[in-house]
Amino acid sequence: MAIWRRADTKKQREIPAFTAGIGKPVSRVLWFLMLLVFSTLFFQPDNTYAGQASLSWTEPTTNTNGTELTDLAGYKVYYGTVSGDYTQNVNVGNVTNYTVSNLAAGTYYFAVAAYDTSGNQSTYSNQVSTTIPAQVTLTVGDSGTGSGTVTSSPAGISCGATCSGTYNSGTTVTLTATAAADSTFTGWSGGGCTGTGTCSLSLNANTAVTATFSAAQTITYTITATAGTGGSIAPLGATTVSSGGSQSYAIAPASGYSIATVTVDGAPVGAVSSYTFSNVTANHTISATFVPPASTLATTAGTTPSGSTPAFSDVPSSYWAYGYIEAIYAAGITVGCGSGDFCPSEDVTRDQMAAFIIRSLYGDNFTCSGGVSCSTTTPYFSDVPATDYFFPYIQKLAQLNITTMVGTYLPEEGVTRGEMAAFIIRALQIKSGQPTVSFTYTQTPYFTDVPAGSTFFPYVQRLKDLGITTVTGTFDVDEIVTRDEMAAFIARAFLGMQ
């Protein structure tokens, strides 16, 4: 018997091969979390500021499978005080650096996670840690009568303006004190600092330091100003001047008077109308003397007027110098040689010359003060003691710089005609308010015995220019002048006689 089998006519379906991997459906969350390539997290330089930590990282650009990362939205910074246990976080947005602030002292651990535009977050980055040191405050105060500034290194204190600063515990701070111009830094106190150098402290706790400044001691000096009859000096009397300071004086003659000379610390400085002491570092004196009008001189001291009865028994009215001798007697310039005589033919001595010149300028009413050269008790010349009759006249002559002698004056020696010319011209310069050695004169010699190179040439030339001498040819410069000749010279020079 034959066996028949029915053929199966149902069509077999083709089943496609299934490929896992890239084509396999996988959630977007897993893809982002598992395959994001995250760059290394690290601290930025200078991250050790107390109370903060500065982090930075490099933006990831691909997934783990090499595909481009296109939907990165931002980052979160995670941190805590236990490694791997991040109790706090902050969404920092799409940036690659961030500073976490307001951190108390202690050790902190940090990690960063990225998230995409859908809010899906990656795994943590590597972990970094840092220790925030404890902070201490350094306060600076100042004391004393002076002033100054205190600065710190490292910076933070600049006192005056900023007198406290906060530093990491363990920081060494160096303080420098600088006194103001009118003060002195006298030392540190507090914080273990002493002395007047810099102050270095290792800060482990809040610390207070005091800088003491003392006002510089003011040193003062006294300038004493005096003025003789016939004028003024301002300010008059004692004036206090600070060390290094200055003080000016104004000298003014009264009506009809002129400045004779101004003497500073005993040395004449000329007939100046003003004088300034600069950079004062010692006590000083300044005095001014004045010359009265010639008409006053001619009428103040004489007891016998010129004319009528002769003043001196040895000078009759017929004597060639009678008028001159009578005039200088009436002006108080001479009192004669004693016993009612004038002794006209005797030589004039140097001490008599001093009296003639000073009386011609001031009469007998003059003061002598302002240094050794015009002391009333201390002789300027060793051979003219204070008991000498001519002492005040010679002292005044030295003060006015009319005599240039040093050490000794030789009071009893005769006065040559050349010396007489110098005495008179210098005195006339004083009377006119001019320096004793500054005057003009004819340069061509008048006299054969007084050439241009002679010591007395300027004075003799000036004497002739003014008509005080009338001689011609020779002047007899080295001859001793007699008292009658001196009367003529004095009367012509100071009383305006011819």
Protein backbone atom coordinates (compact mmCIF):
# COMPACT_ATOMS: atom_id res chain seq x y z
CA MET A 1 0.00 0.00 0.00
CA ALA A 2 1.43 3.25 -0.93
CA ILE A 3 1.73 5.98 1.71
CA TRP A 4 0.97 9.54 0.66
CA ARG A 5 2.26 12.65 2.48
CA ARG A 6 0.50 16.00 2.09
CA ALA A 7 2.82 18.71 1.14
CA ASP A 8 2.93 21.88 3.54
CA THR A 9 2.05 24.82 1.45
CA LYS A 10 2.50 27.54 4.17
CA LYS A 11 5.25 30.06 3.19
CA GLN A 12 8.12 30.40 5.63
CA ARG A 13 8.79 34.16 6.63
CA GLU A 14 12.23 35.64 6.42
CA ILE A 15 13.45 36.84 9.85
CA PRO A 16 16.08 39.68 9.74
CA ALA A 17 19.26 39.37 11.77
CA PHE A 18 19.28 41.50 15.11
CA THR A 19 22.43 43.42 15.82
CA ALA A 20 23.12 44.67 19.32
CA GLY A 21 25.42 47.64 20.00
CA ILE A 22 25.07 51.00 18.29
CA GLY A 23 21.68 50.10 16.83
CA LYS A 24 20.34 48.73 20.07
CA PRO A 25 17.73 51.00 21.70
CA VAL A 26 19.33 52.42 24.91
CA SER A 27 17.91 55.20 27.11
CA ARG A 28 19.43 58.69 26.65
CA VAL A 29 20.04 58.95 30.41
CA LEU A 30 22.29 55.91 30.44
CA TRP A 31 24.09 57.02 27.34
CA PHE A 32 24.93 60.44 28.90
CA LEU A 33 25.81 59.19 32.33
CA MET A 34 27.95 56.30 31.25
CA LEU A 35 29.73 57.54 28.20
CA LEU A 36 30.60 61.21 28.92
CA VAL A 37 34.33 61.81 28.89
CA PHE A 38 34.96 64.33 31.76
CA SER A 39 38.12 66.43 31.95
CA THR A 40 40.25 66.57 35.09
CA LEU A 41 39.24 68.89 37.94
CA PHE A 42 41.99 70.94 39.55
CA PHE A 43 42.57 73.99 41.77
CA GLN A 44 43.45 77.28 40.20
CA PRO A 45 46.70 78.97 41.25
CA ASP A 46 46.44 81.21 44.31
CA ASN A 47 43.56 79.10 45.68
CA THR A 48 44.75 79.40 49.25
CA TYR A 49 42.83 82.56 50.09
CA ALA A 50 41.29 82.09 53.49
CA GLY A 51 37.62 81.05 53.32
CA GLN A 52 37.47 80.16 49.61
CA ALA A 53 38.55 77.58 47.07
CA SER A 54 38.92 78.32 43.37
CA LEU A 55 38.28 75.40 40.98
CA SER A 56 38.64 75.03 37.22
CA TRP A 57 38.19 72.30 34.64
CA THR A 58 38.35 71.77 30.88
CA GLU A 59 35.08 71.42 28.97
CA PRO A 60 34.44 67.81 27.69
CA THR A 61 33.92 67.54 23.91
CA THR A 62 33.14 63.83 23.20
CA ASN A 63 31.30 60.84 24.55
CA THR A 64 33.12 57.61 25.37
CA ASN A 65 32.21 56.17 22.01
CA GLY A 66 33.95 59.05 20.26
CA THR A 67 30.83 60.89 19.16
CA GLU A 68 30.72 64.65 19.51
CA LEU A 69 29.10 66.05 22.61
CA THR A 70 26.57 68.64 21.41
CA ASP A 71 24.06 69.21 24.20
CA LEU A 72 26.19 70.13 27.24
CA ALA A 73 24.22 72.61 29.37
CA GLY A 74 26.30 73.22 32.52
CA TYR A 75 27.96 71.91 35.66
CA LYS A 76 27.39 71.37 39.33
CA VAL A 77 30.14 71.66 41.92
CA TYR A 78 29.84 69.19 44.80
CA TYR A 79 31.77 69.52 48.05
CA GLY A 80 31.88 68.36 51.67
CA THR A 81 34.20 67.78 54.57
CA VAL A 82 34.36 63.97 54.11
CA SER A 83 36.04 62.37 51.12
CA GLY A 84 33.40 61.14 48.63
CA ASP A 85 30.55 62.48 50.75
CA TYR A 86 29.42 65.73 49.15
CA THR A 87 26.86 67.36 51.38
CA GLN A 88 26.60 70.57 49.40
CA ASN A 89 26.46 71.51 45.76
CA VAL A 90 26.01 74.59 43.61
CA ASN A 91 24.82 74.85 40.02
CA VAL A 92 27.46 77.07 38.42
CA GLY A 93 26.05 77.14 34.87
CA ASN A 94 28.04 76.61 31.73
CA VAL A 95 31.42 77.87 32.98
CA THR A 96 34.73 76.11 33.49
CA ASN A 97 35.87 77.80 36.70
CA TYR A 98 34.23 78.72 39.96
CA THR A 99 35.21 79.96 43.42
CA VAL A 100 33.46 78.48 46.43
CA SER A 101 33.41 81.14 49.14
CA ASN A 102 32.49 81.52 52.81
CA LEU A 103 34.25 78.33 53.84
CA ALA A 104 35.04 77.88 57.50
CA ALA A 105 38.43 76.56 58.52
CA GLY A 106 38.88 72.85 57.74
CA THR A 107 39.56 70.36 54.93
CA TYR A 108 37.15 70.24 51.95
CA TYR A 109 36.70 67.74 49.10
CA PHE A 110 35.40 68.78 45.66
CA ALA A 111 34.07 67.11 42.50
CA VAL A 112 32.22 68.36 39.41
CA ALA A 113 29.40 66.77 37.38
CA ALA A 114 28.08 67.89 33.98
CA TYR A 115 24.46 67.94 32.83
CA ASP A 116 22.78 68.16 29.42
CA THR A 117 19.93 70.26 28.13
CA SER A 118 17.44 67.70 29.43
CA GLY A 119 18.85 67.83 32.93
CA ASN A 120 20.61 64.49 32.73
CA GLN A 121 23.78 64.44 34.82
CA SER A 122 27.10 62.68 34.33
CA THR A 123 29.14 60.87 36.93
CA TYR A 124 31.49 62.85 39.18
CA SER A 125 34.85 64.04 38.00
CA ASN A 126 37.99 63.20 39.90
CA GLN A 127 38.09 64.55 43.46
CA VAL A 128 40.36 67.33 44.73
CA SER A 129 40.77 68.65 48.26
CA THR A 130 42.16 71.65 50.07
CA THR A 131 42.50 72.83 53.65
CA ILE A 132 41.14 76.24 54.58
CA PRO A 133 43.37 77.65 57.31
CA ALA A 134 42.00 79.39 60.38
CA GLN A 135 42.15 83.19 60.19
CA VAL A 136 43.43 85.66 62.75
CA THR A 137 43.25 89.46 62.95
CA LEU A 138 46.20 91.77 63.43
CA THR A 139 45.31 95.23 64.78
CA VAL A 140 47.71 98.17 64.88
CA GLY A 141 47.25 101.20 67.13
CA ASP A 142 49.35 104.31 67.59
CA SER A 143 50.15 106.41 70.62
CA GLY A 144 52.35 109.29 71.68
CA THR A 145 52.46 112.98 70.84
CA GLY A 146 53.65 112.52 67.26
CA SER A 147 52.28 110.92 64.12
CA GLY A 148 53.29 108.44 61.46
CA THR A 149 52.17 105.43 59.40
CA VAL A 150 52.48 101.65 59.77
CA THR A 151 52.47 99.31 56.76
CA SER A 152 52.57 95.52 56.55
CA SER A 153 54.15 92.83 54.40
CA PRO A 154 52.23 90.93 53.16
CA ALA A 155 49.83 93.79 52.45
CA GLY A 156 46.70 94.34 54.46
CA ILE A 157 47.61 97.12 56.89
CA SER A 158 48.29 100.73 55.99
CA CYS A 159 47.63 102.65 59.17
CA GLY A 160 46.52 105.65 59.18
CA ALA A 161 43.81 104.48 56.79
CA THR A 162 43.57 100.71 57.43
CA CYS A 163 44.71 99.67 60.89
CA SER A 164 43.68 95.99 60.96
CA GLY A 165 44.06 93.04 58.62
CA THR A 166 43.01 89.39 58.50
CA TYR A 167 45.63 86.72 57.77
CA ASN A 168 45.85 82.93 57.65
CA SER A 169 46.97 81.44 60.92
CA GLY A 170 50.72 80.87 60.85
CA THR A 171 51.41 83.76 58.50
CA THR A 172 54.49 85.85 59.31
CA VAL A 173 53.68 89.55 59.00
CA THR A 174 56.33 92.29 59.08
CA LEU A 175 55.28 95.78 60.21
CA THR A 176 57.24 98.90 59.28
CA ALA A 177 56.72 102.23 61.08
CA THR A 178 57.49 105.53 59.32
CA ALA A 179 57.40 108.74 61.34
CA ALA A 180 55.99 111.97 59.91
CA ALA A 181 58.40 114.82 59.18
CA ASP A 182 57.77 116.47 62.52
CA SER A 183 57.87 113.27 64.59
CA THR A 184 60.10 110.41 65.68
CA PHE A 185 59.19 106.71 65.94
CA THR A 186 60.12 105.68 69.48
CA GLY A 187 59.18 101.98 69.51
CA TRP A 188 56.73 99.05 69.47
CA SER A 189 54.70 97.47 72.23
CA GLY A 190 52.42 94.40 72.20
CA GLY A 191 52.69 91.23 70.15
CA GLY A 192 56.19 90.64 71.44
CA CYS A 193 57.58 93.51 69.38
CA THR A 194 60.15 95.92 70.84
CA GLY A 195 62.69 98.44 69.60
CA THR A 196 62.48 100.86 66.71
CA GLY A 197 63.20 98.53 63.79
CA THR A 198 60.66 96.47 61.88
CA CYS A 199 58.27 94.22 63.82
CA SER A 200 57.86 90.59 62.60
CA LEU A 201 55.10 88.39 64.03
CA SER A 202 54.05 84.80 63.37
CA LEU A 203 50.28 85.06 63.75
CA ASN A 204 48.56 82.18 65.52
CA ALA A 205 45.91 84.21 67.35
CA ASN A 206 44.34 87.64 67.18
CA THR A 207 47.10 90.11 68.00
CA ALA A 208 47.31 93.84 68.78
CA VAL A 209 50.47 95.92 68.32
CA THR A 210 51.02 99.60 69.21
CA ALA A 211 53.43 101.98 67.47
CA THR A 212 54.49 105.04 69.46
CA PHE A 213 55.43 108.30 67.75
CA SER A 214 56.79 111.34 69.56
CA ALA A 215 56.59 114.88 68.27
CA ALA A 216 60.02 116.24 67.47
CA GLN A 217 61.30 118.63 70.10
CA THR A 218 61.15 122.18 68.83
CA ILE A 219 64.47 123.97 69.25
CA THR A 220 64.27 127.75 69.33
CA TYR A 221 66.82 130.54 69.29
CA THR A 222 66.64 134.22 70.22
CA ILE A 223 67.57 137.14 67.99
CA THR A 224 67.96 140.41 69.89
CA ALA A 225 67.56 143.64 67.92
CA THR A 226 68.51 147.14 69.13
CA ALA A 227 68.52 150.56 67.50
CA GLY A 228 70.34 153.77 68.38
CA THR A 229 68.97 157.30 68.38
CA GLY A 230 67.63 158.55 65.08
CA GLY A 231 65.97 155.48 63.65
CA SER A 232 64.28 152.15 64.22
CA ILE A 233 64.65 148.44 63.62
CA ALA A 234 61.68 146.11 63.36
CA PRO A 235 61.00 143.87 65.08
CA LEU A 236 62.71 145.43 68.07
CA GLY A 237 63.87 143.44 71.08
CA ALA A 238 64.03 139.67 71.46
CA THR A 239 62.42 137.49 68.80
CA THR A 240 62.16 133.70 69.08
CA VAL A 241 62.93 131.71 65.91
CA SER A 242 62.58 127.95 65.44
CA SER A 243 65.68 126.02 64.44
CA GLY A 244 66.17 126.24 60.70
CA GLY A 245 63.76 129.15 60.41
CA SER A 246 64.37 132.68 59.23
CA GLN A 247 63.73 136.19 60.50
CA SER A 248 63.86 139.47 58.56
CA TYR A 249 64.49 142.95 59.93
CA ALA A 250 63.70 146.37 58.50
CA ILE A 251 65.96 149.30 59.40
CA ALA A 252 64.68 152.86 58.88
CA PRO A 253 66.25 156.25 59.80
CA ALA A 254 64.16 159.04 61.29
CA SER A 255 63.56 162.22 59.31
CA GLY A 256 66.87 163.97 58.57
CA TYR A 257 68.93 161.00 59.80
CA SER A 258 70.68 158.32 57.77
CA ILE A 259 71.71 154.76 58.58
CA ALA A 260 75.26 154.67 59.91
CA THR A 261 75.74 150.91 59.99
CA VAL A 262 74.03 147.66 60.85
CA THR A 263 76.00 145.23 62.96
CA VAL A 264 75.21 141.50 63.08
CA ASP A 265 76.76 139.45 65.88
CA GLY A 266 79.32 142.21 66.39
CA ALA A 267 80.39 142.45 62.74
CA PRO A 268 79.34 145.39 60.51
CA VAL A 269 77.31 144.47 57.44
CA GLY A 270 77.01 147.99 56.06
CA ALA A 271 74.34 150.67 56.06
CA VAL A 272 71.65 148.26 54.89
CA SER A 273 67.92 148.93 55.19
CA SER A 274 67.01 145.26 55.67
CA TYR A 275 68.64 142.08 56.87
CA THR A 276 67.48 138.45 57.01
CA PHE A 277 68.76 135.66 59.24
CA SER A 278 68.31 132.39 57.33
CA ASN A 279 68.53 128.78 58.59
CA VAL A 280 68.86 129.95 62.18
CA THR A 281 70.82 127.50 64.34
CA ALA A 282 72.16 129.82 67.06
CA ASN A 283 71.31 132.96 69.02
CA HIS A 284 72.07 136.24 67.22
CA THR A 285 72.18 139.99 67.75
CA ILE A 286 71.53 142.81 65.31
CA SER A 287 71.90 146.52 65.99
CA ALA A 288 71.49 149.65 63.91
CA THR A 289 73.03 153.08 64.39
CA PHE A 290 72.10 156.32 62.68
CA VAL A 291 73.82 159.56 61.66
CA PRO A 292 72.15 162.84 62.67
CA PRO A 293 71.94 165.84 60.30
CA ALA A 294 75.11 167.96 60.05
CA SER A 295 73.20 171.06 61.20
CA THR A 296 72.34 169.29 64.43
CA LEU A 297 75.96 168.41 65.02
CA ALA A 298 76.98 172.03 64.56
CA THR A 299 74.70 173.33 67.29
CA THR A 300 74.38 170.66 69.94
CA ALA A 301 77.65 170.66 71.87
CA GLY A 302 79.36 174.04 71.72
CA THR A 303 79.25 176.43 74.67
CA THR A 304 81.01 179.26 72.86
CA PRO A 305 79.55 180.16 69.45
CA SER A 306 81.87 180.71 66.52
CA GLY A 307 82.93 184.36 66.34
CA SER A 308 83.26 186.88 69.22
CA THR A 309 85.63 185.61 71.92
CA PRO A 310 87.95 182.77 70.73
CA ALA A 311 87.20 179.39 72.26
CA PHE A 312 90.87 178.59 72.82
CA SER A 313 93.56 180.90 74.15
CA ASP A 314 96.20 179.52 71.77
CA VAL A 315 94.07 180.02 68.64
CA PRO A 316 93.61 183.75 68.04
CA SER A 317 91.15 184.97 65.45
CA SER A 318 94.03 185.72 63.11
CA TYR A 319 95.18 182.10 63.05
CA TRP A 320 94.75 180.45 59.63
CA ALA A 321 92.61 177.56 61.06
CA TYR A 322 90.67 179.75 63.51
CA GLY A 323 87.30 179.35 61.70
CA TYR A 324 87.65 175.58 61.40
CA ILE A 325 88.66 175.14 65.04
CA GLU A 326 85.82 177.35 66.28
CA ALA A 327 83.34 175.41 64.11
CA ILE A 328 84.32 171.96 65.33
CA TYR A 329 84.29 173.25 68.92
CA ALA A 330 80.79 174.67 68.47
CA ALA A 331 79.69 171.33 66.96
CA GLY A 332 81.04 169.44 69.98
CA ILE A 333 83.66 167.63 67.91
CA THR A 334 86.56 168.87 70.05
CA VAL A 335 86.99 170.00 73.63
CA GLY A 336 90.60 171.13 73.16
CA CYS A 337 93.75 169.73 74.66
CA GLY A 338 93.17 171.08 78.19
CA SER A 339 93.71 174.28 80.18
CA GLY A 340 91.70 176.24 77.62
CA ASP A 341 94.07 175.43 74.78
CA PHE A 342 93.61 173.58 71.49
CA CYS A 343 97.28 172.79 70.81
CA PRO A 344 96.87 173.40 67.05
CA SER A 345 100.39 172.43 65.99
CA GLU A 346 100.56 169.17 67.92
CA ASP A 347 100.21 165.83 66.15
CA VAL A 348 96.86 164.08 66.11
CA THR A 349 97.06 160.69 67.82
CA ARG A 350 95.00 157.69 66.78
CA ASP A 351 92.85 157.81 69.91
CA GLN A 352 92.12 161.52 69.31
CA MET A 353 91.26 160.62 65.71
CA ALA A 354 88.63 158.15 66.94
CA ALA A 355 87.02 160.87 69.07
CA PHE A 356 87.03 163.40 66.18
CA ILE A 357 85.38 160.91 63.78
CA ILE A 358 82.73 159.51 66.16
CA ARG A 359 81.75 162.98 67.43
CA SER A 360 81.53 164.14 63.81
CA LEU A 361 78.97 161.38 63.18
CA TYR A 362 77.05 161.26 66.47
CA GLY A 363 78.32 163.87 68.88
CA ASP A 364 78.80 162.33 72.30
CA ASN A 365 75.28 160.90 72.29
CA PHE A 366 75.88 157.46 70.83
CA THR A 367 75.43 153.89 71.95
CA CYS A 368 77.77 150.99 71.48
CA SER A 369 76.19 147.55 71.69
CA GLY A 370 75.95 144.38 69.69
CA GLY A 371 79.01 142.18 70.09
CA VAL A 372 82.61 142.29 71.28
CA SER A 373 83.57 145.13 68.92
CA CYS A 374 81.13 147.45 70.66
CA SER A 375 80.94 146.07 74.16
CA THR A 376 80.84 148.65 76.94
CA THR A 377 83.09 146.51 79.12
CA THR A 378 85.10 144.10 76.96
CA PRO A 379 87.91 145.75 74.94
CA TYR A 380 88.09 145.00 71.24
CA PHE A 381 91.77 145.98 71.18
CA SER A 382 94.21 144.69 73.75
CA ASP A 383 95.94 148.08 74.07
CA VAL A 384 92.72 150.06 74.73
CA PRO A 385 91.34 149.05 78.14
CA ALA A 386 87.81 149.87 79.20
CA THR A 387 89.18 152.50 81.60
CA ASP A 388 90.75 154.51 78.80
CA TYR A 389 89.06 157.88 78.14
CA PHE A 390 88.93 157.11 74.40
CA PHE A 391 87.66 153.51 74.90
CA PRO A 392 84.01 154.10 73.75
CA TYR A 393 85.10 156.07 70.68
CA ILE A 394 87.60 153.42 69.58
CA GLN A 395 85.10 150.62 70.25
CA LYS A 396 82.52 152.41 68.06
CA LEU A 397 85.13 153.01 65.37
CA ALA A 398 85.74 149.25 65.24
CA GLN A 399 82.02 148.47 65.17
CA LEU A 400 81.52 150.76 62.16
CA ASN A 401 84.49 149.19 60.38
CA ILE A 402 86.08 152.64 60.03
CA THR A 403 89.25 151.12 61.45
CA THR A 404 90.39 147.78 60.12
CA MET A 405 93.05 147.18 62.77
CA VAL A 406 93.10 143.76 64.44
CA GLY A 407 94.44 142.93 67.88
CA THR A 408 95.92 146.30 68.77
CA TYR A 409 94.91 149.86 67.86
CA LEU A 410 98.17 151.73 68.71
CA PRO A 411 96.17 154.59 70.27
CA GLU A 412 99.08 156.96 71.04
CA GLU A 413 100.74 156.80 67.64
CA GLY A 414 100.37 159.75 65.28
CA VAL A 415 97.88 159.62 62.40
CA THR A 416 99.39 160.04 58.94
CA ARG A 417 97.64 162.13 56.31
CA GLY A 418 96.93 158.92 54.35
CA GLU A 419 95.32 157.28 57.40
CA MET A 420 93.35 160.47 58.03
CA ALA A 421 91.98 160.31 54.48
CA ALA A 422 90.84 156.70 55.04
CA PHE A 423 89.17 157.54 58.37
CA ILE A 424 87.25 160.49 56.93
CA ILE A 425 86.11 158.81 53.70
CA ARG A 426 84.90 155.69 55.51
CA ALA A 427 83.02 157.86 58.01
CA LEU A 428 81.40 159.83 55.18
CA GLN A 429 80.28 156.53 53.64
CA ILE A 430 78.66 155.60 56.96
CA LYS A 431 76.98 158.99 57.12
CA SER A 432 75.51 158.56 53.62
CA GLY A 433 74.32 155.04 54.40
CA GLN A 434 76.79 153.33 52.07
CA PRO A 435 79.35 150.54 52.63
CA THR A 436 82.67 151.86 53.88
CA VAL A 437 84.67 150.44 50.95
CA SER A 438 82.26 151.00 48.07
CA PHE A 439 82.65 154.42 46.44
CA THR A 440 83.79 155.99 43.18
CA TYR A 441 86.87 158.15 42.71
CA THR A 442 89.02 159.62 39.94
CA GLN A 443 91.36 157.01 38.54
CA THR A 444 94.13 159.39 37.42
CA PRO A 445 96.39 160.25 40.39
CA TYR A 446 96.14 163.81 41.70
CA PHE A 447 99.39 163.62 43.67
CA THR A 448 102.82 162.39 42.66
CA ASP A 449 103.41 160.77 46.05
CA VAL A 450 100.12 158.83 46.00
CA PRO A 451 100.28 156.56 42.92
CA ALA A 452 97.44 154.24 41.90
CA GLY A 453 99.08 151.32 43.67
CA SER A 454 99.17 153.05 47.05
CA THR A 455 97.07 151.65 49.89
CA PHE A 456 95.56 155.09 50.45
CA PHE A 457 95.08 155.98 46.78
CA PRO A 458 91.24 155.54 46.68
CA TYR A 459 90.76 157.57 49.88
CA VAL A 460 93.09 160.42 48.93
CA GLN A 461 91.56 160.62 45.45
CA ARG A 462 88.05 160.74 46.96
CA LEU A 463 89.19 163.41 49.45
CA LYS A 464 90.34 165.54 46.55
CA ASP A 465 87.19 164.84 44.51
CA LEU A 466 85.07 166.16 47.41
CA GLY A 467 87.22 169.29 47.89
CA ILE A 468 88.18 168.29 51.42
CA THR A 469 91.83 168.75 50.54
CA THR A 470 92.97 171.66 48.38
CA VAL A 471 96.68 170.92 48.08
CA THR A 472 98.33 170.17 44.73
CA GLY A 473 101.49 168.44 43.61
CA THR A 474 102.13 166.25 46.63
CA PHE A 475 99.84 165.19 49.44
CA ASP A 476 102.56 164.28 51.95
CA VAL A 477 100.71 161.01 52.50
CA ASP A 478 103.10 159.70 55.18
CA GLU A 479 103.35 162.92 57.21
CA ILE A 480 101.64 163.07 60.60
CA VAL A 481 98.59 165.32 60.46
CA THR A 482 98.43 168.18 62.98
CA ARG A 483 95.41 169.19 65.05
CA ASP A 484 94.82 172.41 63.10
CA GLU A 485 94.98 170.52 59.80
CA MET A 486 92.57 167.95 61.22
CA ALA A 487 90.17 170.72 62.21
CA ALA A 488 90.14 171.93 58.61
CA PHE A 489 89.60 168.43 57.21
CA ILE A 490 86.81 167.67 59.70
CA ALA A 491 85.04 171.00 59.18
CA ARG A 492 85.09 170.63 55.39
CA ALA A 493 84.03 166.95 55.48
CA PHE A 494 81.25 167.07 58.08
CA LEU A 495 80.24 170.71 58.53
CA GLY A 496 80.19 171.77 54.90
CA MET A 497 82.84 174.50 55.30
CA GLN A 498 85.13 175.56 52.49
